[in-house]
């Protein structure tokens, strides 16, 4: 979310997915994940102010530029987490869906023993009209998360490509490929890390 993509790109790791990944790693991961979980639970059921919770409990840990953080908060509040006329997906309760999907992901990550399980979050551009969150993990018979990561897929239609505060499609060390039908052939294409303006 919050990264500028062009038609034909099928996946992204924008700032929110990237930051979720980052805070789930290393010393202090349990405390960071738990603080985010509690902050998100505290704004149920409307999840009004979700963008501020993400700024406080995600962006602040990775020392993101203050101006970028402000632009991202404004962008998410107006275009993603609002059901108003400026929303990319009006009437779909994106704030609630997004928050509940992240909460489930955090719960599963925190359920690893003895340490939290790392998060691997991706934004998937899809042709379907509905916004959905998909969380994947291996859980044993006693309810402990035993997979090597908890995967979160943020599935949305392609939003407008203007107004986003970032031109990066893939953040950090992320690499992505799409395998699809192209005419009579099946092709594998790497998704570019930097989206070229006007390209």
Protein backbone atom coordinates (compact mmCIF):
# COMPACT_ATOMS: atom_id res chain seq x y z
CA UNK A 1 0.00 0.00 0.00
CA UNK A 2 1.09 3.50 -0.57
CA UNK A 3 3.39 2.80 -3.49
CA UNK A 4 2.87 3.93 -7.03
CA UNK A 5 2.43 1.06 -9.45
CA UNK A 6 1.64 0.94 -13.10
CA UNK A 7 -0.78 -1.37 -14.91
CA UNK A 8 0.68 -4.82 -15.45
CA UNK A 9 2.43 -4.99 -12.08
CA UNK A 10 0.94 -7.83 -10.09
CA UNK A 11 2.75 -7.52 -6.78
CA UNK A 12 4.43 -4.92 -4.61
CA UNK A 13 6.10 -4.51 -1.26
CA UNK A 14 5.29 -0.96 -0.34
CA UNK A 15 6.08 0.73 2.96
CA UNK A 16 3.46 -0.93 5.17
CA UNK A 17 4.28 -4.51 4.07
CA UNK A 18 8.01 -3.77 4.23
CA UNK A 19 7.78 -2.25 7.70
CA UNK A 20 5.68 -5.16 8.98
CA UNK A 21 8.44 -7.48 7.80
CA UNK A 22 11.14 -5.38 9.44
CA UNK A 23 9.58 -5.03 12.90
CA UNK A 24 9.07 -8.79 13.09
CA UNK A 25 12.82 -9.43 12.99
CA UNK A 26 15.63 -9.20 15.52
CA UNK A 27 15.87 -8.23 19.18
CA UNK A 28 12.72 -6.59 20.50
CA UNK A 29 10.47 -8.10 17.82
CA UNK A 30 8.02 -9.49 20.36
CA UNK A 31 7.61 -6.11 22.08
CA UNK A 32 7.18 -4.25 18.77
CA UNK A 33 4.61 -6.70 17.39
CA UNK A 34 2.68 -6.82 20.65
CA UNK A 35 2.59 -3.01 20.92
CA UNK A 36 1.23 -2.77 17.36
CA UNK A 37 -1.35 -5.46 18.07
CA UNK A 38 -2.57 -3.73 21.23
CA UNK A 39 -2.72 -0.33 19.51
CA UNK A 40 -4.79 -1.79 16.67
CA UNK A 41 -7.15 -3.57 19.07
CA UNK A 42 -7.63 -0.29 20.94
CA UNK A 43 -9.22 1.41 17.90
CA UNK A 44 -11.74 -1.37 17.19
CA UNK A 45 -14.33 -1.56 15.69
CA UNK A 46 -14.08 1.44 13.35
CA UNK A 47 -10.26 1.48 13.11
CA UNK A 48 -10.42 5.23 12.76
CA UNK A 49 -6.82 6.50 12.93
CA UNK A 50 -5.29 3.28 11.57
CA UNK A 51 -2.79 5.30 9.55
CA UNK A 52 -1.56 6.97 12.77
CA UNK A 53 -1.16 3.60 14.50
CA UNK A 54 0.93 2.38 11.56
CA UNK A 55 3.04 5.53 11.70
CA UNK A 56 3.61 5.23 15.44
CA UNK A 57 4.25 1.49 15.59
CA UNK A 58 5.82 0.80 12.17
CA UNK A 59 7.39 3.87 10.58
CA UNK A 60 8.92 5.12 13.82
CA UNK A 61 10.97 1.91 14.15
CA UNK A 62 12.64 2.22 10.77
CA UNK A 63 13.45 5.96 11.01
CA UNK A 64 11.53 6.91 7.90
CA UNK A 65 11.76 10.51 6.74
CA UNK A 66 9.26 12.71 8.65
CA UNK A 67 7.92 14.39 5.51
CA UNK A 68 7.38 11.06 3.79
CA UNK A 69 5.67 9.71 6.91
CA UNK A 70 3.28 12.67 6.99
CA UNK A 71 2.46 12.29 3.28
CA UNK A 72 1.88 8.57 3.74
CA UNK A 73 -0.46 9.13 6.71
CA UNK A 74 -2.50 11.64 4.72
CA UNK A 75 -2.58 9.40 1.64
CA UNK A 76 -3.67 6.30 3.55
CA UNK A 77 -6.34 8.21 5.50
CA UNK A 78 -7.83 9.80 2.39
CA UNK A 79 -7.46 7.13 -0.29
CA UNK A 80 -7.30 3.78 1.53
CA UNK A 81 -8.83 3.90 4.98
CA UNK A 82 -11.78 6.17 4.20
CA UNK A 83 -15.05 5.13 2.62
CA UNK A 84 -15.59 8.69 1.34
CA UNK A 85 -15.71 9.95 -2.24
CA UNK A 86 -11.90 10.18 -2.49
CA UNK A 87 -11.45 6.57 -1.43
CA UNK A 88 -9.98 4.16 -3.97
CA UNK A 89 -12.41 1.46 -2.84
CA UNK A 90 -15.55 3.19 -1.52
CA UNK A 91 -17.96 1.15 0.53
CA UNK A 92 -15.52 -1.74 1.02
CA UNK A 93 -14.57 -1.02 4.66
CA UNK A 94 -10.90 -1.23 3.77
CA UNK A 95 -9.73 0.06 7.17
CA UNK A 96 -11.60 -2.73 8.94
CA UNK A 97 -10.47 -5.43 6.48
CA UNK A 98 -6.88 -4.23 6.52
CA UNK A 99 -6.74 -3.96 10.29
CA UNK A 100 -8.34 -7.34 10.95
CA UNK A 101 -5.99 -8.98 8.45
CA UNK A 102 -2.94 -7.43 10.09
CA UNK A 103 -4.25 -8.34 13.56
CA UNK A 104 -4.58 -11.99 12.53
CA UNK A 105 -1.07 -11.89 11.07
CA UNK A 106 0.33 -10.40 14.29
CA UNK A 107 -1.45 -12.99 16.42
CA UNK A 108 0.00 -15.83 14.36
CA UNK A 109 3.49 -14.27 14.37
CA UNK A 110 3.37 -13.81 18.14
CA UNK A 111 2.23 -17.40 18.54
CA UNK A 112 5.63 -18.75 17.52
CA UNK A 113 7.66 -20.43 20.26
CA UNK A 114 9.98 -19.29 21.77
CA UNK A 115 10.27 -16.28 19.45
CA UNK A 116 7.85 -14.54 17.10
CA UNK A 117 7.65 -15.91 13.57
CA UNK A 118 8.82 -13.38 10.94
CA UNK A 119 6.17 -11.72 8.79
CA UNK A 120 6.34 -11.76 4.99
CA UNK A 121 3.78 -9.25 3.67
CA UNK A 122 2.98 -8.48 0.04
CA UNK A 123 0.49 -6.31 -1.83
CA UNK A 124 -1.09 -8.24 -4.72
CA UNK A 125 -2.83 -6.40 -7.56
CA UNK A 126 -5.73 -8.51 -8.82
CA UNK A 127 -8.56 -8.14 -11.33
CA UNK A 128 -11.28 -8.91 -8.76
CA UNK A 129 -13.20 -5.91 -7.45
CA UNK A 130 -13.09 -6.80 -3.76
CA UNK A 131 -10.33 -5.90 -1.32
CA UNK A 132 -9.27 -8.98 0.65
CA UNK A 133 -6.59 -9.89 3.16
CA UNK A 134 -5.14 -13.41 3.12
CA UNK A 135 -2.95 -14.71 5.97
CA UNK A 136 -1.05 -18.00 5.58
CA UNK A 137 0.81 -19.95 8.25
CA UNK A 138 1.49 -23.51 9.41
CA UNK A 139 0.00 -24.13 12.85
CA UNK A 140 0.49 -27.34 14.83
CA UNK A 141 -2.20 -29.32 16.69
CA UNK A 142 -1.64 -27.27 19.85
CA UNK A 143 -2.10 -23.96 18.02
CA UNK A 144 1.58 -22.94 17.89
CA UNK A 145 2.74 -21.27 14.66
CA UNK A 146 5.46 -23.55 13.29
CA UNK A 147 6.03 -22.15 9.79
CA UNK A 148 9.21 -20.24 8.99
CA UNK A 149 7.12 -17.12 8.30
CA UNK A 150 3.59 -15.80 8.44
CA UNK A 151 2.57 -14.58 4.98
CA UNK A 152 0.16 -11.68 4.59
CA UNK A 153 -1.26 -10.97 1.13
CA UNK A 154 -3.05 -7.65 0.71
CA UNK A 155 -5.23 -8.24 -2.36
CA UNK A 156 -6.77 -5.22 -4.11
CA UNK A 157 -7.75 -4.05 -7.57
CA UNK A 158 -5.34 -1.63 -9.24
CA UNK A 159 -5.85 1.82 -7.67
CA UNK A 160 -5.18 5.05 -9.56
CA UNK A 161 -1.46 5.54 -10.12
CA UNK A 162 -1.35 9.20 -9.15
CA UNK A 163 -0.97 10.74 -5.73
CA UNK A 164 0.92 7.99 -3.91
CA UNK A 165 3.83 9.22 -1.78
CA UNK A 166 6.33 6.69 -3.15
CA UNK A 167 7.47 5.68 -6.63
CA UNK A 168 9.00 2.44 -5.38
CA UNK A 169 7.14 -0.76 -6.14
CA UNK A 170 9.50 -3.05 -4.20
CA UNK A 171 11.07 -1.97 -0.92
CA UNK A 172 14.13 -3.40 0.77
CA UNK A 173 15.62 -6.57 -0.69
CA UNK A 174 12.31 -7.73 -2.15
CA UNK A 175 12.32 -9.29 -5.60
CA UNK A 176 9.19 -10.33 -7.49
CA UNK A 177 8.36 -12.14 -10.70
CA UNK A 178 5.11 -12.75 -12.53
CA UNK A 179 4.47 -15.87 -14.61
CA UNK A 180 1.62 -15.41 -17.06
CA UNK A 181 0.23 -16.15 -20.47
CA UNK A 182 1.41 -13.79 -23.21
CA UNK A 183 -0.07 -14.64 -26.58
CA UNK A 184 0.79 -18.29 -27.25
CA UNK A 185 3.62 -18.41 -24.72
CA UNK A 186 3.97 -18.59 -20.96
CA UNK A 187 6.49 -16.00 -19.81
CA UNK A 188 8.22 -15.11 -16.55
CA UNK A 189 8.94 -11.41 -16.04
CA UNK A 190 10.72 -9.73 -13.17
CA UNK A 191 8.89 -6.79 -11.63
CA UNK A 192 11.03 -3.67 -11.68
CA UNK A 193 12.14 -2.20 -8.37
CA UNK A 194 11.77 1.35 -9.53
CA UNK A 195 8.78 2.46 -11.55
CA UNK A 196 9.88 4.94 -14.18
CA UNK A 197 7.80 8.08 -14.29
CA UNK A 198 5.81 8.25 -17.48
CA UNK A 199 6.86 4.68 -18.28
